[in-house]
């Protein structure tokens, strides 16, 4: 999985688990709908920590909890072109 898609999959997974739409998440997190849409469509590959923190709070999680998942923890930067 590409690094930019890791956050997308995490947000999708948490939305499914909680039966929350991306639109509702934008309202709950006080993140602009366009910002969240750009993340979800992969246009924003490296979201700001502040944005991720707001999303985490909307899911009733700390930022550390939000970022603690296998795909991110096991990601290898060795193959990155950046």
PDB file of N, CA and C in Angstrom:
ATOM      1  N   UNK A   1       0.845  -1.178   0.000  1.00  0.00           N
ATOM      2  CA  UNK A   1       0.000   0.000   0.000  1.00  0.00           C
ATOM      3  C   UNK A   1       0.890   1.242   0.000  1.00  0.00           C
ATOM      4  N   UNK A   2       0.514   2.221  -0.791  1.00  0.00           N
ATOM      5  CA  UNK A   2       1.254   3.474  -0.831  1.00  0.00           C
ATOM      6  C   UNK A   2       1.019   4.262   0.451  1.00  0.00           C
ATOM      7  N   UNK A   3       2.040   5.001   0.860  1.00  0.00           N
ATOM      8  CA  UNK A   3       1.958   5.771   2.098  1.00  0.00           C
ATOM      9  C   UNK A   3       0.753   6.711   2.100  1.00  0.00           C
ATOM     10  N   UNK A   4       0.498   7.377   0.999  1.00  0.00           N
ATOM     11  CA  UNK A   4      -0.610   8.322   0.921  1.00  0.00           C
ATOM     12  C   UNK A   4      -1.974   7.690   1.112  1.00  0.00           C
ATOM     13  N   UNK A   5      -2.078   6.394   0.853  1.00  0.00           N
ATOM     14  CA  UNK A   5      -3.364   5.703   1.004  1.00  0.00           C
ATOM     15  C   UNK A   5      -3.582   5.132   2.396  1.00  0.00           C
ATOM     16  N   UNK A   6      -2.550   5.121   3.211  1.00  0.00           N
ATOM     17  CA  UNK A   6      -2.668   4.534   4.547  1.00  0.00           C
ATOM     18  C   UNK A   6      -3.716   5.273   5.369  1.00  0.00           C
ATOM     19  N   UNK A   7      -3.673   6.599   5.362  1.00  0.00           N
ATOM     20  CA  UNK A   7      -4.634   7.382   6.138  1.00  0.00           C
ATOM     21  C   UNK A   7      -6.042   7.234   5.577  1.00  0.00           C
ATOM     22  N   UNK A   8      -6.143   7.163   4.265  1.00  0.00           N
ATOM     23  CA  UNK A   8      -7.447   6.984   3.617  1.00  0.00           C
ATOM     24  C   UNK A   8      -8.099   5.698   4.103  1.00  0.00           C
ATOM     25  N   UNK A   9      -7.346   4.618   4.082  1.00  0.00           N
ATOM     26  CA  UNK A   9      -7.894   3.328   4.515  1.00  0.00           C
ATOM     27  C   UNK A   9      -8.238   3.334   5.993  1.00  0.00           C
ATOM     28  N   UNK A  10      -7.438   4.009   6.809  1.00  0.00           N
ATOM     29  CA  UNK A  10      -7.724   4.101   8.248  1.00  0.00           C
ATOM     30  C   UNK A  10      -9.035   4.849   8.470  1.00  0.00           C
ATOM     31  N   UNK A  11      -9.205   5.962   7.815  1.00  0.00           N
ATOM     32  CA  UNK A  11     -10.430   6.751   7.977  1.00  0.00           C
ATOM     33  C   UNK A  11     -11.636   5.966   7.469  1.00  0.00           C
ATOM     34  N   UNK A  12     -11.507   5.329   6.309  1.00  0.00           N
ATOM     35  CA  UNK A  12     -12.610   4.524   5.770  1.00  0.00           C
ATOM     36  C   UNK A  12     -13.001   3.419   6.739  1.00  0.00           C
ATOM     37  N   UNK A  13     -12.014   2.748   7.280  1.00  0.00           N
ATOM     38  CA  UNK A  13     -12.262   1.651   8.208  1.00  0.00           C
ATOM     39  C   UNK A  13     -12.994   2.137   9.455  1.00  0.00           C
ATOM     40  N   UNK A  14     -12.532   3.232  10.026  1.00  0.00           N
ATOM     41  CA  UNK A  14     -13.174   3.767  11.227  1.00  0.00           C
ATOM     42  C   UNK A  14     -14.581   4.283  10.924  1.00  0.00           C
ATOM     43  N   UNK A  15     -14.773   4.880   9.760  1.00  0.00           N
ATOM     44  CA  UNK A  15     -16.118   5.332   9.367  1.00  0.00           C
ATOM     45  C   UNK A  15     -17.067   4.142   9.233  1.00  0.00           C
ATOM     46  N   UNK A  16     -16.596   3.062   8.610  1.00  0.00           N
ATOM     47  CA  UNK A  16     -17.431   1.855   8.476  1.00  0.00           C
ATOM     48  C   UNK A  16     -17.781   1.279   9.844  1.00  0.00           C
ATOM     49  N   UNK A  17     -16.785   1.175  10.711  1.00  0.00           N
ATOM     50  CA  UNK A  17     -17.006   0.609  12.041  1.00  0.00           C
ATOM     51  C   UNK A  17     -18.032   1.407  12.831  1.00  0.00           C
ATOM     52  N   UNK A  18     -18.044   2.711  12.629  1.00  0.00           N
ATOM     53  CA  UNK A  18     -18.918   3.590  13.409  1.00  0.00           C
ATOM     54  C   UNK A  18     -20.150   4.052  12.632  1.00  0.00           C
ATOM     55  N   UNK A  19     -20.282   3.562  11.402  1.00  0.00           N
ATOM     56  CA  UNK A  19     -21.401   3.928  10.538  1.00  0.00           C
ATOM     57  C   UNK A  19     -21.511   5.449  10.388  1.00  0.00           C
ATOM     58  N   UNK A  20     -20.385   6.054  10.022  1.00  0.00           N
ATOM     59  CA  UNK A  20     -20.291   7.502   9.845  1.00  0.00           C
ATOM     60  C   UNK A  20     -19.893   7.783   8.397  1.00  0.00           C
ATOM     61  N   UNK A  21     -20.578   8.702   7.762  1.00  0.00           N
ATOM     62  CA  UNK A  21     -20.187   9.110   6.410  1.00  0.00           C
ATOM     63  C   UNK A  21     -19.025  10.099   6.500  1.00  0.00           C
ATOM     64  N   UNK A  22     -18.334  10.268   5.402  1.00  0.00           N
ATOM     65  CA  UNK A  22     -17.229  11.229   5.364  1.00  0.00           C
ATOM     66  C   UNK A  22     -17.769  12.640   5.590  1.00  0.00           C
ATOM     67  N   UNK A  23     -18.946  12.921   5.063  1.00  0.00           N
ATOM     68  CA  UNK A  23     -19.569  14.224   5.271  1.00  0.00           C
ATOM     69  C   UNK A  23     -19.834  14.460   6.757  1.00  0.00           C
ATOM     70  N   UNK A  24     -20.374  13.459   7.422  1.00  0.00           N
ATOM     71  CA  UNK A  24     -20.640  13.587   8.858  1.00  0.00           C
ATOM     72  C   UNK A  24     -19.329  13.739   9.628  1.00  0.00           C
ATOM     73  N   UNK A  25     -18.309  13.002   9.215  1.00  0.00           N
ATOM     74  CA  UNK A  25     -17.003  13.119   9.863  1.00  0.00           C
ATOM     75  C   UNK A  25     -16.457  14.535   9.729  1.00  0.00           C
ATOM     76  N   UNK A  26     -16.627  15.137   8.577  1.00  0.00           N
ATOM     77  CA  UNK A  26     -16.170  16.518   8.375  1.00  0.00           C
ATOM     78  C   UNK A  26     -16.855  17.447   9.370  1.00  0.00           C
ATOM     79  N   UNK A  27     -18.152  17.264   9.551  1.00  0.00           N
ATOM     80  CA  UNK A  27     -18.887  18.094  10.509  1.00  0.00           C
ATOM     81  C   UNK A  27     -18.447  17.823  11.941  1.00  0.00           C
ATOM     82  N   UNK A  28     -18.277  16.557  12.285  1.00  0.00           N
ATOM     83  CA  UNK A  28     -17.891  16.180  13.648  1.00  0.00           C
ATOM     84  C   UNK A  28     -16.485  16.659  14.000  1.00  0.00           C
ATOM     85  N   UNK A  29     -15.610  16.676  13.016  1.00  0.00           N
ATOM     86  CA  UNK A  29     -14.203  16.994  13.269  1.00  0.00           C
ATOM     87  C   UNK A  29     -13.871  18.466  13.076  1.00  0.00           C
ATOM     88  N   UNK A  30     -14.798  19.214  12.510  1.00  0.00           N
ATOM     89  CA  UNK A  30     -14.557  20.615  12.174  1.00  0.00           C
ATOM     90  C   UNK A  30     -13.417  20.754  11.164  1.00  0.00           C
ATOM     91  N   UNK A  31     -13.310  19.749  10.295  1.00  0.00           N
ATOM     92  CA  UNK A  31     -12.373  19.794   9.173  1.00  0.00           C
ATOM     93  C   UNK A  31     -13.202  20.122   7.941  1.00  0.00           C
ATOM     94  N   UNK A  32     -12.734  21.040   7.123  1.00  0.00           N
ATOM     95  CA  UNK A  32     -13.481  21.409   5.919  1.00  0.00           C
ATOM     96  C   UNK A  32     -13.756  20.173   5.072  1.00  0.00           C
ATOM     97  N   UNK A  33     -14.958  20.128   4.513  1.00  0.00           N
ATOM     98  CA  UNK A  33     -15.346  19.011   3.656  1.00  0.00           C
ATOM     99  C   UNK A  33     -14.354  18.848   2.506  1.00  0.00           C
ATOM    100  N   UNK A  34     -13.925  19.951   1.931  1.00  0.00           N
ATOM    101  CA  UNK A  34     -12.989  19.881   0.803  1.00  0.00           C
ATOM    102  C   UNK A  34     -11.643  19.300   1.232  1.00  0.00           C
ATOM    103  N   UNK A  35     -11.197  19.624   2.426  1.00  0.00           N
ATOM    104  CA  UNK A  35      -9.934  19.078   2.942  1.00  0.00           C
ATOM    105  C   UNK A  35     -10.042  17.578   3.119  1.00  0.00           C
ATOM    106  N   UNK A  36     -11.124  17.140   3.732  1.00  0.00           N
ATOM    107  CA  UNK A  36     -11.324  15.707   3.943  1.00  0.00           C
ATOM    108  C   UNK A  36     -11.506  14.982   2.613  1.00  0.00           C
ATOM    109  N   UNK A  37     -12.223  15.589   1.686  1.00  0.00           N
ATOM    110  CA  UNK A  37     -12.383  15.002   0.347  1.00  0.00           C
ATOM    111  C   UNK A  37     -11.029  14.836  -0.347  1.00  0.00           C
ATOM    112  N   UNK A  38     -10.166  15.845  -0.228  1.00  0.00           N
ATOM    113  CA  UNK A  38      -8.837  15.757  -0.843  1.00  0.00           C
ATOM    114  C   UNK A  38      -8.011  14.630  -0.236  1.00  0.00           C
ATOM    115  N   UNK A  39      -8.140  14.429   1.058  1.00  0.00           N
ATOM    116  CA  UNK A  39      -7.446  13.313   1.709  1.00  0.00           C
ATOM    117  C   UNK A  39      -8.011  11.998   1.200  1.00  0.00           C
ATOM    118  N   UNK A  40      -9.331  11.889   1.183  1.00  0.00           N
ATOM    119  CA  UNK A  40      -9.988  10.633   0.816  1.00  0.00           C
ATOM    120  C   UNK A  40      -9.773  10.277  -0.656  1.00  0.00           C
ATOM    121  N   UNK A  41      -9.599  11.275  -1.512  1.00  0.00           N
ATOM    122  CA  UNK A  41      -9.354  11.011  -2.938  1.00  0.00           C
ATOM    123  C   UNK A  41      -7.871  10.852  -3.254  1.00  0.00           C
ATOM    124  N   UNK A  42      -7.039  10.983  -2.225  1.00  0.00           N
ATOM    125  CA  UNK A  42      -5.609  10.801  -2.422  1.00  0.00           C
ATOM    126  C   UNK A  42      -4.889  12.016  -2.967  1.00  0.00           C
ATOM    127  N   UNK A  43      -5.570  13.150  -3.023  1.00  0.00           N
ATOM    128  CA  UNK A  43      -4.929  14.371  -3.518  1.00  0.00           C
ATOM    129  C   UNK A  43      -3.998  14.968  -2.466  1.00  0.00           C
ATOM    130  N   UNK A  44      -4.360  14.801  -1.207  1.00  0.00           N
ATOM    131  CA  UNK A  44      -3.494  15.196  -0.100  1.00  0.00           C
ATOM    132  C   UNK A  44      -2.859  13.928   0.431  1.00  0.00           C
ATOM    133  N   UNK A  45      -1.595  13.738   0.138  1.00  0.00           N
ATOM    134  CA  UNK A  45      -0.913  12.488   0.480  1.00  0.00           C
ATOM    135  C   UNK A  45      -0.321  12.499   1.881  1.00  0.00           C
ATOM    136  N   UNK A  46      -0.094  13.684   2.427  1.00  0.00           N
ATOM    137  CA  UNK A  46       0.529  13.795   3.736  1.00  0.00           C
ATOM    138  C   UNK A  46      -0.220  14.850   4.558  1.00  0.00           C
ATOM    139  N   UNK A  47      -1.376  14.478   5.122  1.00  0.00           N
ATOM    140  CA  UNK A  47      -2.196  15.450   5.851  1.00  0.00           C
ATOM    141  C   UNK A  47      -1.459  16.029   7.058  1.00  0.00           C
ATOM    142  N   UNK A  48      -1.824  17.232   7.419  1.00  0.00           N
ATOM    143  CA  UNK A  48      -1.228  17.892   8.583  1.00  0.00           C
ATOM    144  C   UNK A  48      -1.614  17.154   9.859  1.00  0.00           C
ATOM    145  N   UNK A  49      -0.733  17.219  10.825  1.00  0.00           N
ATOM    146  CA  UNK A  49      -0.994  16.589  12.120  1.00  0.00           C
ATOM    147  C   UNK A  49      -2.246  17.198  12.752  1.00  0.00           C
ATOM    148  N   UNK A  50      -2.412  18.498  12.617  1.00  0.00           N
ATOM    149  CA  UNK A  50      -3.584  19.172  13.187  1.00  0.00           C
ATOM    150  C   UNK A  50      -4.872  18.591  12.605  1.00  0.00           C
ATOM    151  N   UNK A  51      -4.884  18.331  11.316  1.00  0.00           N
ATOM    152  CA  UNK A  51      -6.061  17.746  10.665  1.00  0.00           C
ATOM    153  C   UNK A  51      -6.310  16.342  11.180  1.00  0.00           C
ATOM    154  N   UNK A  52      -5.260  15.533  11.254  1.00  0.00           N
ATOM    155  CA  UNK A  52      -5.408  14.166  11.757  1.00  0.00           C
ATOM    156  C   UNK A  52      -5.854  14.166  13.215  1.00  0.00           C
ATOM    157  N   UNK A  53      -5.364  15.126  13.989  1.00  0.00           N
ATOM    158  CA  UNK A  53      -5.763  15.238  15.391  1.00  0.00           C
ATOM    159  C   UNK A  53      -7.261  15.530  15.502  1.00  0.00           C
ATOM    160  N   UNK A  54      -7.759  16.437  14.688  1.00  0.00           N
ATOM    161  CA  UNK A  54      -9.192  16.748  14.691  1.00  0.00           C
ATOM    162  C   UNK A  54     -10.026  15.531  14.299  1.00  0.00           C
ATOM    163  N   UNK A  55      -9.556  14.783  13.312  1.00  0.00           N
ATOM    164  CA  UNK A  55     -10.260  13.571  12.885  1.00  0.00           C
ATOM    165  C   UNK A  55     -10.254  12.549  14.015  1.00  0.00           C
ATOM    166  N   UNK A  56      -9.118  12.388  14.665  1.00  0.00           N
ATOM    167  CA  UNK A  56      -9.019  11.444  15.784  1.00  0.00           C
ATOM    168  C   UNK A  56     -10.004  11.804  16.887  1.00  0.00           C
ATOM    169  N   UNK A  57     -10.073  13.068  17.236  1.00  0.00           N
ATOM    170  CA  UNK A  57     -10.998  13.513  18.283  1.00  0.00           C
ATOM    171  C   UNK A  57     -12.439  13.215  17.883  1.00  0.00           C
ATOM    172  N   UNK A  58     -12.769  13.395  16.616  1.00  0.00           N
ATOM    173  CA  UNK A  58     -14.125  13.088  16.143  1.00  0.00           C
ATOM    174  C   UNK A  58     -14.449  11.610  16.324  1.00  0.00           C
ATOM    175  N   UNK A  59     -13.439  10.756  16.223  1.00  0.00           N
ATOM    176  CA  UNK A  59     -13.618   9.319  16.443  1.00  0.00           C
ATOM    177  C   UNK A  59     -13.499   8.959  17.925  1.00  0.00           C
ATOM    178  N   UNK A  60     -13.378   9.980  18.773  1.00  0.00           N
ATOM    179  CA  UNK A  60     -13.226   9.778  20.216  1.00  0.00           C
ATOM    180  C   UNK A  60     -11.947   8.995  20.527  1.00  0.00           C
ATOM    181  N   UNK A  61     -10.881   9.372  19.829  1.00  0.00           N
ATOM    182  CA  UNK A  61      -9.579   8.729  19.990  1.00  0.00           C
ATOM    183  C   UNK A  61      -8.523   9.799  20.217  1.00  0.00           C
ATOM    184  N   UNK A  62      -7.429   9.392  20.839  1.00  0.00           N
ATOM    185  CA  UNK A  62      -6.268  10.275  20.870  1.00  0.00           C
ATOM    186  C   UNK A  62      -5.579  10.169  19.513  1.00  0.00           C
ATOM    187  N   UNK A  63      -4.710  11.109  19.236  1.00  0.00           N
ATOM    188  CA  UNK A  63      -3.955  11.037  17.985  1.00  0.00           C
ATOM    189  C   UNK A  63      -3.093   9.777  17.971  1.00  0.00           C
ATOM    190  N   UNK A  64      -2.528   9.436  19.122  1.00  0.00           N
ATOM    191  CA  UNK A  64      -1.702   8.222  19.215  1.00  0.00           C
ATOM    192  C   UNK A  64      -2.523   6.978  18.889  1.00  0.00           C
ATOM    193  N   UNK A  65      -3.747   6.907  19.393  1.00  0.00           N
ATOM    194  CA  UNK A  65      -4.616   5.760  19.091  1.00  0.00           C
ATOM    195  C   UNK A  65      -4.966   5.721  17.608  1.00  0.00           C
ATOM    196  N   UNK A  66      -5.252   6.877  17.052  1.00  0.00           N
ATOM    197  CA  UNK A  66      -5.607   6.952  15.638  1.00  0.00           C
ATOM    198  C   UNK A  66      -4.459   6.468  14.751  1.00  0.00           C
ATOM    199  N   UNK A  67      -3.237   6.794  15.134  1.00  0.00           N
ATOM    200  CA  UNK A  67      -2.068   6.443  14.327  1.00  0.00           C
ATOM    201  C   UNK A  67      -1.507   5.061  14.647  1.00  0.00           C
ATOM    202  N   UNK A  68      -2.082   4.383  15.616  1.00  0.00           N
ATOM    203  CA  UNK A  68      -1.578   3.072  16.025  1.00  0.00           C
ATOM    204  C   UNK A  68      -2.346   1.968  15.305  1.00  0.00           C
ATOM    205  N   UNK A  69      -1.899   1.657  14.080  1.00  0.00           N
ATOM    206  CA  UNK A  69      -2.500   0.568  13.316  1.00  0.00           C
ATOM    207  C   UNK A  69      -1.419  -0.064  12.450  1.00  0.00           C
ATOM    208  N   UNK A  70      -1.609  -1.339  12.146  1.00  0.00           N
ATOM    209  CA  UNK A  70      -0.560  -2.150  11.519  1.00  0.00           C
ATOM    210  C   UNK A  70      -0.015  -1.573  10.223  1.00  0.00           C
ATOM    211  N   UNK A  71      -0.891  -1.108   9.338  1.00  0.00           N
ATOM    212  CA  UNK A  71      -0.424  -0.624   8.036  1.00  0.00           C
ATOM    213  C   UNK A  71       0.582   0.518   8.183  1.00  0.00           C
ATOM    214  N   UNK A  72       0.359   1.394   9.141  1.00  0.00           N
ATOM    215  CA  UNK A  72       1.287   2.501   9.361  1.00  0.00           C
ATOM    216  C   UNK A  72       2.517   2.037  10.137  1.00  0.00           C
ATOM    217  N   UNK A  73       2.292   1.252  11.186  1.00  0.00           N
ATOM    218  CA  UNK A  73       3.409   0.800  12.019  1.00  0.00           C
ATOM    219  C   UNK A  73       4.385  -0.089  11.260  1.00  0.00           C
ATOM    220  N   UNK A  74       3.898  -0.822  10.272  1.00  0.00           N
ATOM    221  CA  UNK A  74       4.743  -1.750   9.524  1.00  0.00           C
ATOM    222  C   UNK A  74       5.220  -1.192   8.185  1.00  0.00           C
ATOM    223  N   UNK A  75       4.899   0.065   7.907  1.00  0.00           N
ATOM    224  CA  UNK A  75       5.268   0.659   6.624  1.00  0.00           C
ATOM    225  C   UNK A  75       6.787   0.799   6.519  1.00  0.00           C
ATOM    226  N   UNK A  76       7.319   0.465   5.370  1.00  0.00           N
ATOM    227  CA  UNK A  76       8.752   0.596   5.111  1.00  0.00           C
ATOM    228  C   UNK A  76       8.982   1.743   4.137  1.00  0.00           C
ATOM    229  N   UNK A  77       9.837   2.656   4.513  1.00  0.00           N
ATOM    230  CA  UNK A  77      10.145   3.807   3.668  1.00  0.00           C
ATOM    231  C   UNK A  77      11.266   3.514   2.675  1.00  0.00           C
ATOM    232  N   UNK A  78      11.793   2.321   2.700  1.00  0.00           N
ATOM    233  CA  UNK A  78      12.926   1.969   1.839  1.00  0.00           C
ATOM    234  C   UNK A  78      12.618   2.108   0.354  1.00  0.00           C
ATOM    235  N   UNK A  79      11.371   1.836  -0.021  1.00  0.00           N
ATOM    236  CA  UNK A  79      11.004   1.874  -1.434  1.00  0.00           C
ATOM    237  C   UNK A  79      10.437   3.214  -1.876  1.00  0.00           C
ATOM    238  N   UNK A  80      10.337   4.177  -0.942  1.00  0.00           N
ATOM    239  CA  UNK A  80       9.794   5.493  -1.278  1.00  0.00           C
ATOM    240  C   UNK A  80      10.712   6.235  -2.231  1.00  0.00           C
ATOM    241  N   UNK A  81      10.098   6.996  -3.119  1.00  0.00           N
ATOM    242  CA  UNK A  81      10.848   7.808  -4.071  1.00  0.00           C
ATOM    243  C   UNK A  81      11.028   9.237  -3.578  1.00  0.00           C
ATOM    244  N   UNK A  82      10.369   9.588  -2.468  1.00  0.00           N
ATOM    245  CA  UNK A  82      10.423  10.969  -1.950  1.00  0.00           C
ATOM    246  C   UNK A  82      11.722  11.269  -1.259  1.00  0.00           C
TER     247      UNK A  82
END
